[in-house]
Each structure stands twice: as C-alpha cells, then as structure tokens.
C-alpha atoms as a PDB file:
ATOM      1  CA  MET A   1     128.891 119.343  90.418  1.00  0.00           C
ATOM      2  CA  ALA A   2     127.851 122.962  90.896  1.00  0.00           C
ATOM      3  CA  LEU A   3     124.311 124.124  91.577  1.00  0.00           C
ATOM      4  CA  THR A   4     122.935 126.592  89.035  1.00  0.00           C
ATOM      5  CA  PRO A   5     121.367 129.847  90.283  1.00  0.00           C
ATOM      6  CA  ASP A   6     117.829 128.523  89.817  1.00  0.00           C
ATOM      7  CA  ARG A   7     118.666 125.385  91.827  1.00  0.00           C
ATOM      8  CA  LEU A   8     120.285 127.496  94.544  1.00  0.00           C
ATOM      9  CA  GLU A   9     117.062 129.475  94.811  1.00  0.00           C
ATOM     10  CA  ARG A  10     114.865 126.396  94.772  1.00  0.00           C
ATOM     11  CA  PHE A  11     116.766 124.695  97.598  1.00  0.00           C
ATOM     12  CA  ALA A  12     117.701 127.785  99.590  1.00  0.00           C
ATOM     13  CA  ARG A  13     115.838 126.553 102.677  1.00  0.00           C
ATOM     14  CA  HIS A  14     117.910 123.359 102.605  1.00  0.00           C
ATOM     15  CA  ILE A  15     121.198 125.103 102.036  1.00  0.00           C
ATOM     16  CA  VAL A  16     120.831 127.449 105.010  1.00  0.00           C
ATOM     17  CA  LEU A  17     120.452 124.418 107.282  1.00  0.00           C
ATOM     18  CA  PRO A  18     123.899 123.694 108.782  1.00  0.00           C
ATOM     19  CA  GLU A  19     123.003 119.988 108.764  1.00  0.00           C
ATOM     20  CA  ILE A  20     122.716 120.027 104.942  1.00  0.00           C
ATOM     21  CA  GLY A  21     124.411 123.073 103.418  1.00  0.00           C
ATOM     22  CA  GLY A  22     125.627 123.420  99.864  1.00  0.00           C
ATOM     23  CA  ALA A  23     127.690 120.231  99.938  1.00  0.00           C
ATOM     24  CA  GLY A  24     124.704 118.266 101.132  1.00  0.00           C
ATOM     25  CA  GLN A  25     122.471 119.657  98.415  1.00  0.00           C
ATOM     26  CA  VAL A  26     125.041 118.715  95.803  1.00  0.00           C
ATOM     27  CA  ALA A  27     125.097 115.183  97.257  1.00  0.00           C
ATOM     28  CA  LEU A  28     121.311 114.961  96.952  1.00  0.00           C
ATOM     29  CA  ALA A  29     121.495 116.119  93.336  1.00  0.00           C
ATOM     30  CA  ALA A  30     124.015 113.352  92.619  1.00  0.00           C
ATOM     31  CA  ALA A  31     121.975 110.628  94.351  1.00  0.00           C
ATOM     32  CA  HIS A  32     120.003 107.864  92.667  1.00  0.00           C
ATOM     33  CA  VAL A  33     117.091 106.513  94.703  1.00  0.00           C
ATOM     34  CA  VAL A  34     115.195 103.414  93.616  1.00  0.00           C
ATOM     35  CA  VAL A  35     111.638 103.414  94.985  1.00  0.00           C
ATOM     36  CA  VAL A  36     109.985  99.988  95.100  1.00  0.00           C
ATOM     37  CA  GLY A  37     106.232 100.482  95.227  1.00  0.00           C
ATOM     38  CA  CYS A  38     104.462 103.713  94.252  1.00  0.00           C
ATOM     39  CA  GLY A  39     101.441 103.155  96.489  1.00  0.00           C
ATOM     40  CA  GLY A  40     100.540 104.298  99.985  1.00  0.00           C
ATOM     41  CA  ILE A  41     104.142 104.616 101.183  1.00  0.00           C
ATOM     42  CA  GLY A  42     105.893 105.243  97.886  1.00  0.00           C
ATOM     43  CA  SER A  43     103.531 108.034  96.862  1.00  0.00           C
ATOM     44  CA  PRO A  44     104.413 110.526  99.660  1.00  0.00           C
ATOM     45  CA  ALA A  45     107.993 109.253  99.832  1.00  0.00           C
ATOM     46  CA  LEU A  46     108.758 109.992  96.192  1.00  0.00           C
ATOM     47  CA  GLN A  47     107.123 113.426  96.505  1.00  0.00           C
ATOM     48  CA  TYR A  48     109.510 114.443  99.278  1.00  0.00           C
ATOM     49  CA  LEU A  49     112.500 112.821  97.603  1.00  0.00           C
ATOM     50  CA  ALA A  50     111.746 114.856  94.487  1.00  0.00           C
ATOM     51  CA  ALA A  51     111.199 117.989  96.565  1.00  0.00           C
ATOM     52  CA  ALA A  52     114.542 117.412  98.290  1.00  0.00           C
ATOM     53  CA  GLY A  53     116.372 117.567  94.972  1.00  0.00           C
ATOM     54  CA  ILE A  54     117.273 113.907  94.490  1.00  0.00           C
ATOM     55  CA  GLY A  55     118.809 113.918  91.044  1.00  0.00           C
ATOM     56  CA  ARG A  56     117.637 110.546  89.778  1.00  0.00           C
ATOM     57  CA  LEU A  57     114.609 108.447  90.664  1.00  0.00           C
ATOM     58  CA  THR A  58     113.709 104.955  89.476  1.00  0.00           C
ATOM     59  CA  LEU A  59     110.076 104.123  90.275  1.00  0.00           C
ATOM     60  CA  ILE A  60     109.001 100.473  90.258  1.00  0.00           C
ATOM     61  CA  ASP A  61     105.428  99.188  90.464  1.00  0.00           C
ATOM     62  CA  ASP A  62     103.443  96.650  88.447  1.00  0.00           C
ATOM     63  CA  ASP A  63     100.012  97.773  89.671  1.00  0.00           C
ATOM     64  CA  ALA A  64      97.423 100.086  88.104  1.00  0.00           C
ATOM     65  CA  VAL A  65      95.668 103.011  89.770  1.00  0.00           C
ATOM     66  CA  GLU A  66      92.270 102.150  91.278  1.00  0.00           C
ATOM     67  CA  ALA A  67      89.639 104.401  92.827  1.00  0.00           C
ATOM     68  CA  SER A  68      90.346 103.015  96.316  1.00  0.00           C
ATOM     69  CA  ASN A  69      93.974 104.187  96.003  1.00  0.00           C
ATOM     70  CA  LEU A  70      93.013 107.861  95.889  1.00  0.00           C
ATOM     71  CA  GLN A  71      92.226 107.886  99.634  1.00  0.00           C
ATOM     72  CA  ARG A  72      95.955 107.773 100.443  1.00  0.00           C
ATOM     73  CA  GLN A  73      98.059 107.721  97.256  1.00  0.00           C
ATOM     74  CA  THR A  74      98.018 111.455  96.759  1.00  0.00           C
ATOM     75  CA  ILE A  75     100.093 111.740  93.595  1.00  0.00           C
ATOM     76  CA  PHE A  76      97.281 110.150  91.579  1.00  0.00           C
ATOM     77  CA  ARG A  77      94.130 111.802  90.218  1.00  0.00           C
ATOM     78  CA  GLU A  78      90.838 110.445  88.926  1.00  0.00           C
ATOM     79  CA  THR A  79      92.175 110.865  85.411  1.00  0.00           C
ATOM     80  CA  ASP A  80      94.915 108.348  86.287  1.00  0.00           C
ATOM     81  CA  LEU A  81      92.464 105.513  86.983  1.00  0.00           C
ATOM     82  CA  GLY A  82      93.544 102.434  85.047  1.00  0.00           C
ATOM     83  CA  ARG A  83      97.042 103.756  84.329  1.00  0.00           C
ATOM     84  CA  GLY A  84     100.131 101.992  85.532  1.00  0.00           C
ATOM     85  CA  LYS A  85     101.255 103.472  88.846  1.00  0.00           C
ATOM     86  CA  ALA A  86     104.924 103.686  87.869  1.00  0.00           C
ATOM     87  CA  ASP A  87     104.148 105.640  84.691  1.00  0.00           C
ATOM     88  CA  ALA A  88     101.682 107.964  86.438  1.00  0.00           C
ATOM     89  CA  ALA A  89     104.140 108.564  89.290  1.00  0.00           C
ATOM     90  CA  ALA A  90     106.936 109.334  86.832  1.00  0.00           C
ATOM     91  CA  ASP A  91     104.692 111.868  85.105  1.00  0.00           C
ATOM     92  CA  TRP A  92     104.059 113.552  88.451  1.00  0.00           C
ATOM     93  CA  VAL A  93     107.825 113.902  88.978  1.00  0.00           C
ATOM     94  CA  ARG A  94     108.336 115.318  85.480  1.00  0.00           C
ATOM     95  CA  HIS A  95     105.667 117.934  86.030  1.00  0.00           C
ATOM     96  CA  PHE A  96     107.103 118.782  89.430  1.00  0.00           C
ATOM     97  CA  ASP A  97     110.780 119.169  88.463  1.00  0.00           C
ATOM     98  CA  LEU A  98     112.131 118.818  84.940  1.00  0.00           C
ATOM     99  CA  ALA A  99     115.688 118.573  86.263  1.00  0.00           C
ATOM    100  CA  ILE A 100     115.079 115.161  87.844  1.00  0.00           C
ATOM    101  CA  ALA A 101     115.953 112.130  85.736  1.00  0.00           C
ATOM    102  CA  VAL A 102     113.051 109.763  86.365  1.00  0.00           C
ATOM    103  CA  HIS A 103     112.584 106.246  85.050  1.00  0.00           C
ATOM    104  CA  ALA A 104     109.405 104.165  85.374  1.00  0.00           C
ATOM    105  CA  ARG A 105     109.605 100.377  85.571  1.00  0.00           C
ATOM    106  CA  SER A 106     106.178  98.719  85.324  1.00  0.00           C
ATOM    107  CA  LEU A 107     107.123  95.290  86.576  1.00  0.00           C
ATOM    108  CA  ARG A 108     106.986  93.109  89.662  1.00  0.00           C
ATOM    109  CA  VAL A 109     110.242  92.736  91.578  1.00  0.00           C
ATOM    110  CA  ASP A 110     111.370  89.182  92.243  1.00  0.00           C
ATOM    111  CA  ARG A 111     114.600  87.330  92.879  1.00  0.00           C
ATOM    112  CA  SER A 112     115.439  87.123  89.192  1.00  0.00           C
ATOM    113  CA  ASN A 113     115.288  90.848  88.411  1.00  0.00           C
ATOM    114  CA  ALA A 114     116.004  92.494  91.777  1.00  0.00           C
ATOM    115  CA  PRO A 115     119.819  92.484  91.348  1.00  0.00           C
ATOM    116  CA  ASP A 116     119.638  94.483  88.110  1.00  0.00           C
ATOM    117  CA  LEU A 117     117.007  96.874  89.486  1.00  0.00           C
ATOM    118  CA  VAL A 118     119.023  97.889  92.571  1.00  0.00           C
ATOM    119  CA  ALA A 119     122.471  97.927  90.965  1.00  0.00           C
ATOM    120  CA  GLY A 120     124.180 101.306  91.155  1.00  0.00           C
ATOM    121  CA  ALA A 121     121.594 102.928  93.418  1.00  0.00           C
ATOM    122  CA  THR A 122     122.651 105.274  96.207  1.00  0.00           C
ATOM    123  CA  VAL A 123     119.825 103.827  98.306  1.00  0.00           C
ATOM    124  CA  VAL A 124     116.728 101.728  97.711  1.00  0.00           C
ATOM    125  CA  LEU A 125     113.487 102.760  99.425  1.00  0.00           C
ATOM    126  CA  ASP A 126     111.173  99.767  99.691  1.00  0.00           C
ATOM    127  CA  GLY A 127     107.519 100.477 100.428  1.00  0.00           C
ATOM    128  CA  CYS A 128     105.978  97.417  98.786  1.00  0.00           C
ATOM    129  CA  ASP A 129     103.172  95.341 100.265  1.00  0.00           C
ATOM    130  CA  ASN A 130     104.488  91.781 100.546  1.00  0.00           C
ATOM    131  CA  PHE A 131     107.342  89.995 102.298  1.00  0.00           C
ATOM    132  CA  ALA A 132     108.476  88.002  99.274  1.00  0.00           C
ATOM    133  CA  THR A 133     109.300  91.191  97.386  1.00  0.00           C
ATOM    134  CA  ARG A 134     110.785  92.874 100.473  1.00  0.00           C
ATOM    135  CA  LEU A 135     113.155  89.980 101.050  1.00  0.00           C
ATOM    136  CA  ALA A 136     114.098  89.745  97.361  1.00  0.00           C
ATOM    137  CA  VAL A 137     114.944  93.467  97.411  1.00  0.00           C
ATOM    138  CA  SER A 138     116.846  93.207 100.692  1.00  0.00           C
ATOM    139  CA  ASP A 139     118.907  90.222  99.570  1.00  0.00           C
ATOM    140  CA  ALA A 140     119.749  91.958  96.291  1.00  0.00           C
ATOM    141  CA  CYS A 141     120.823  95.094  98.181  1.00  0.00           C
ATOM    142  CA  VAL A 142     123.123  93.078 100.436  1.00  0.00           C
ATOM    143  CA  ALA A 143     124.711  91.324  97.450  1.00  0.00           C
ATOM    144  CA  ALA A 144     125.172  94.611  95.563  1.00  0.00           C
ATOM    145  CA  GLY A 145     126.393  96.603  98.574  1.00  0.00           C
ATOM    146  CA  VAL A 146     123.469  99.031  98.326  1.00  0.00           C
ATOM    147  CA  PRO A 147     121.823 100.498 101.457  1.00  0.00           C
ATOM    148  CA  LEU A 148     118.128  99.811 102.003  1.00  0.00           C
ATOM    149  CA  THR A 149     115.456 102.002 103.567  1.00  0.00           C
ATOM    150  CA  SER A 150     112.518  99.827 104.528  1.00  0.00           C
ATOM    151  CA  ALA A 151     109.111 101.360 105.298  1.00  0.00           C
ATOM    152  CA  ALA A 152     106.021  99.366 106.234  1.00  0.00           C
ATOM    153  CA  LEU A 153     102.493 100.191 107.333  1.00  0.00           C
ATOM    154  CA  GLY A 154      99.715  98.200 108.980  1.00  0.00           C
ATOM    155  CA  ARG A 155      96.523  99.863 110.220  1.00  0.00           C
ATOM    156  CA  PHE A 156      97.820 102.429 112.748  1.00  0.00           C
ATOM    157  CA  GLN A 157     101.393 101.095 113.041  1.00  0.00           C
ATOM    158  CA  GLY A 158     104.370 102.044 110.932  1.00  0.00           C
ATOM    159  CA  GLN A 159     107.969 100.815 110.744  1.00  0.00           C
ATOM    160  CA  VAL A 160     110.891 102.603 109.085  1.00  0.00           C
ATOM    161  CA  GLY A 161     114.570 101.717 109.222  1.00  0.00           C
ATOM    162  CA  ASN A 162     117.852 101.818 107.314  1.00  0.00           C
ATOM    163  CA  PHE A 163     119.715  98.564 106.743  1.00  0.00           C
ATOM    164  CA  ALA A 164     123.231  97.879 105.485  1.00  0.00           C
ATOM    165  CA  GLY A 165     123.799  94.152 105.794  1.00  0.00           C
ATOM    166  CA  HIS A 166     126.768  94.409 103.450  1.00  0.00           C
ATOM    167  CA  LEU A 167     128.701  96.341 106.115  1.00  0.00           C
ATOM    168  CA  PRO A 168     130.528  94.550 108.949  1.00  0.00           C
ATOM    169  CA  GLY A 169     128.397  94.258 112.050  1.00  0.00           C
ATOM    170  CA  GLN A 170     125.272  95.735 110.445  1.00  0.00           C
ATOM    171  CA  ALA A 171     121.941  93.951 110.113  1.00  0.00           C
ATOM    172  CA  CYS A 172     119.937  93.500 106.931  1.00  0.00           C
ATOM    173  CA  TYR A 173     116.158  93.426 106.654  1.00  0.00           C
ATOM    174  CA  ARG A 174     116.183  89.597 106.702  1.00  0.00           C
ATOM    175  CA  CYS A 175     117.908  89.744 110.100  1.00  0.00           C
ATOM    176  CA  TRP A 176     114.770  91.544 111.325  1.00  0.00           C
ATOM    177  CA  VAL A 177     112.014  89.350 109.854  1.00  0.00           C
ATOM    178  CA  GLY A 178     113.819  86.034 109.389  1.00  0.00           C
ATOM    179  CA  ASP A 179     113.180  83.458 106.682  1.00  0.00           C
ATOM    180  CA  ALA A 180     109.548  82.651 107.463  1.00  0.00           C
ATOM    181  CA  PHE A 181     108.085  85.277 105.161  1.00  0.00           C
ATOM    182  CA  ASP A 182     109.487  84.343 101.771  1.00  0.00           C
ATOM    183  CA  ALA A 183     105.925  83.680 100.595  1.00  0.00           C
ATOM    184  CA  GLU A 184     103.460  86.387  99.595  1.00  0.00           C
ATOM    185  CA  ASP A 185     101.505  86.332 102.837  1.00  0.00           C
ATOM    186  CA  CYS A 186     101.192  89.957 103.983  1.00  0.00           C
ATOM    187  CA  ASP A 187      97.975  91.406 105.318  1.00  0.00           C
ATOM    188  CA  THR A 188      96.422  93.876 102.885  1.00  0.00           C
ATOM    189  CA  CYS A 189      94.937  97.353 103.171  1.00  0.00           C
ATOM    190  CA  ALA A 190      91.767  96.011 101.555  1.00  0.00           C
ATOM    191  CA  ALA A 191      91.301  93.511 104.371  1.00  0.00           C
ATOM    192  CA  ASP A 192      92.581  95.513 107.337  1.00  0.00           C
ATOM    193  CA  GLY A 193      91.991  99.116 106.299  1.00  0.00           C
ATOM    194  CA  VAL A 194      94.403 102.046 106.450  1.00  0.00           C
ATOM    195  CA  LEU A 195      94.173 105.737 107.308  1.00  0.00           C
ATOM    196  CA  GLY A 196      95.495 107.926 104.505  1.00  0.00           C
ATOM    197  CA  ALA A 197      97.356 110.251 106.853  1.00  0.00           C
ATOM    198  CA  MET A 198      99.211 107.254 108.347  1.00  0.00           C
ATOM    199  CA  ALA A 199     100.555 106.407 104.894  1.00  0.00           C
ATOM    200  CA  GLY A 200     101.707 110.012 104.581  1.00  0.00           C
ATOM    201  CA  ILE A 201     103.544 109.893 107.913  1.00  0.00           C
ATOM    202  CA  VAL A 202     105.307 106.601 107.197  1.00  0.00           C
ATOM    203  CA  GLY A 203     106.177 107.611 103.632  1.00  0.00           C
ATOM    204  CA  SER A 204     107.624 110.903 104.861  1.00  0.00           C
ATOM    205  CA  LEU A 205     109.681 109.094 107.511  1.00  0.00           C
ATOM    206  CA  GLY A 206     110.938 106.769 104.796  1.00  0.00           C
ATOM    207  CA  ALA A 207     111.991 109.727 102.643  1.00  0.00           C
ATOM    208  CA  MET A 208     113.765 111.283 105.632  1.00  0.00           C
ATOM    209  CA  GLN A 209     115.751 108.114 106.303  1.00  0.00           C
ATOM    210  CA  ALA A 210     116.664 107.693 102.632  1.00  0.00           C
ATOM    211  CA  ILE A 211     117.874 111.309 102.580  1.00  0.00           C
ATOM    212  CA  ARG A 212     120.094 110.516 105.576  1.00  0.00           C
ATOM    213  CA  VAL A 213     121.741 107.759 103.554  1.00  0.00           C
ATOM    214  CA  ALA A 214     122.197 110.019 100.533  1.00  0.00           C
ATOM    215  CA  LEU A 215     123.918 112.604 102.756  1.00  0.00           C
ATOM    216  CA  ALA A 216     126.233 110.126 104.509  1.00  0.00           C
ATOM    217  CA  GLY A 217     129.764 111.503 104.555  1.00  0.00           C
ATOM    218  CA  GLN A 218     128.644 114.781 102.970  1.00  0.00           C
ATOM    219  CA  ALA A 219     126.601 116.577 105.637  1.00  0.00           C
ATOM    220  CA  ALA A 220     125.869 116.439 109.347  1.00  0.00           C
ATOM    221  CA  LEU A 221     122.399 115.008 108.694  1.00  0.00           C
ATOM    222  CA  GLY A 222     124.049 112.062 106.986  1.00  0.00           C
ATOM    223  CA  ASP A 223     123.861 109.616 109.888  1.00  0.00           C
ATOM    224  CA  PRO A 224     122.070 106.618 108.363  1.00  0.00           C
ATOM    225  CA  GLN A 225     121.215 105.151 111.789  1.00  0.00           C
ATOM    226  CA  TRP A 226     121.797 101.627 110.502  1.00  0.00           C
ATOM    227  CA  GLY A 227     119.628  98.990 112.114  1.00  0.00           C
ATOM    228  CA  GLN A 228     117.617 101.458 114.193  1.00  0.00           C
ATOM    229  CA  LEU A 229     114.000 100.655 113.471  1.00  0.00           C
ATOM    230  CA  GLN A 230     111.592 103.513 114.126  1.00  0.00           C
ATOM    231  CA  LEU A 231     108.203 102.231 115.303  1.00  0.00           C
ATOM    232  CA  TYR A 232     105.352 104.712 114.969  1.00  0.00           C
ATOM    233  CA  GLU A 233     102.052 104.140 116.760  1.00  0.00           C
ATOM    234  CA  GLY A 234      99.401 106.342 115.247  1.00  0.00           C
ATOM    235  CA  LEU A 235      96.630 105.919 117.793  1.00  0.00           C
ATOM    236  CA  VAL A 236      98.613 107.295 120.746  1.00  0.00           C
ATOM    237  CA  PRO A 237     100.622 108.764 118.935  1.00  0.00           C
ATOM    238  CA  SER A 238     104.172 107.759 119.857  1.00  0.00           C
ATOM    239  CA  LEU A 239     107.518 106.946 118.294  1.00  0.00           C
ATOM    240  CA  ARG A 240     110.089 104.561 119.707  1.00  0.00           C
ATOM    241  CA  THR A 241     113.309 103.063 118.435  1.00  0.00           C
ATOM    242  CA  ILE A 242     114.542  99.494 118.650  1.00  0.00           C
ATOM    243  CA  ARG A 243     117.936  98.195 117.574  1.00  0.00           C
ATOM    244  CA  VAL A 244     117.996  95.280 115.120  1.00  0.00           C
ATOM    245  CA  PRO A 245     121.103  93.151 115.763  1.00  0.00           C
ATOM    246  CA  LYS A 246     122.933  91.373 112.972  1.00  0.00           C
ATOM    247  CA  ASP A 247     122.000  87.699 112.814  1.00  0.00           C
ATOM    248  CA  PRO A 248     125.240  85.712 112.392  1.00  0.00           C
ATOM    249  CA  ASP A 249     123.219  82.903 110.803  1.00  0.00           C
ATOM    250  CA  CYS A 250     121.302  85.159 108.402  1.00  0.00           C
ATOM    251  CA  ALA A 251     120.946  83.557 104.989  1.00  0.00           C
ATOM    252  CA  ALA A 252     121.685  86.886 103.285  1.00  0.00           C
ATOM    253  CA  CYS A 253     124.353  88.643 105.339  1.00  0.00           C
ATOM    254  CA  GLY A 254     125.510  86.103 107.945  1.00  0.00           C
ATOM    255  CA  THR A 255     128.774  84.192 107.930  1.00  0.00           C
ATOM    256  CA  SER A 256     127.217  81.238 106.115  1.00  0.00           C
ATOM    257  CA  ALA A 257     126.106  83.513 103.269  1.00  0.00           C
ATOM    258  CA  ARG A 258     129.614  84.668 102.410  1.00  0.00           C
END
C-alpha cells in the first residue's frame, strides 16, 4: 500500500516521527480496529484512532444518545439526542475523514455474537461499561487470536492495558479480573459520577495503546506492552504500571482451556 500525496500531507507530523515513519503510517492505514462502546471512553478513543489514520473502524454500541452523555461523550451533539450511538459515531468519522471505512453495529455484545464481531480485527478496543461484556469480548479475542486493548474508568481512576492471552506466556483480561464478574454488576457513571476530562484521558490512553498494537513489527512505537496495566489516578494526578501475570488456571487462556 502506498500513501497518496494528500494522505502524506495529512499525516506528515506522524511520518517525521522516527518511531512511526512512512512504514508505520502505512500499517495504520491497513489496520482494522473494533471499538466496543462509543460512550465516555470510546468517544475520545475513536476520534484519535480516526485522526491517526486507522483505515477501518467497526463501532459497536446498542445505546442511544442522552443529554447526560454530552458532558463527556464529545463526538455527540444535541441534535444527536435519541439517535443510536454507533450510527452517530460512524457519521462523525465519515465527516472527519472520507477515506476511513467505518461500520456501525447497533447491538449488544454477548457470548453468542462476540466471536463474529472480533474476527479479523487487528486489535479490539473495549471501553464498555460492564464486566459481562468485557469478559465475552476478551474470551472471543483469545479464541480468535486477536489482541485486546482494555480501557476502564471509575470516578477519578482509569485503567488501560493491552492483552494477548492467545500468545504463550501472556495474560488475557480474564487473568486480571477472574471469573467473579461474569454478571452485569459494574458500578455506573449515573450512580458514582464521572469527570468528562477523565474520560478523555482514559480514552486517549486507550487509543495510544491500540495504536501500539497496530504498529507492532512495523515501527519502533509498536511495542504492545502486553499485560502491563497502566493505572491513572486523576486526583493526584499520577500514573503507575503493574504487570498482570498469566493465570495458568484461567478459563479462557490457561492450560485447562486448550
């Protein structure tokens, strides 16, 4: 794949970075990122994925835009109220860059459809709001051999990490949270509150980590940092990293699962 003159101009600030370069930009153009959840995390994440030149985006969300979303989900406008988030988000991408192939899927991800939704993706970025969906996505990624970028937000804390449980010695998301959260039992923004700027920070970190995966083997920035969970504390602020070890008894990627 060769970049046309207009694409070279658009991504000139990427290409002059030694950590990305022309080869890296071509890799981004060839990448397919599946974004699960177009809300607080998915909204800024998909903006920066589109701005980075990701060639194909699949946006999945079964929710509709509400007035309370506008405080942090910055791709939506008042005129989007009542529209499906996936469709409205896809329209934002189309208006932003006609060269991106974008597909909206207005449905809820579960164990029955997750395998088909993640199949063939370069990386899946999961920013949904419940553990049942997160684990369904993670398990499907492990089975399909697709890397997962997981991004989560609660009040003033954020978590972002890349997982590749299909690779020897690497943890999956289930290794991190275990099996206790297969029910839909997450805390919600409505109950706990959330600062809009925190969603922007965590979504941007998620986009950065997904870009690392897309550049793996193609550019110096392409170190996926598998299993390194970045913990952001917004009140301090501070950022620290913890290593998530592979659980040999994991139901998804452990020895008993194979």
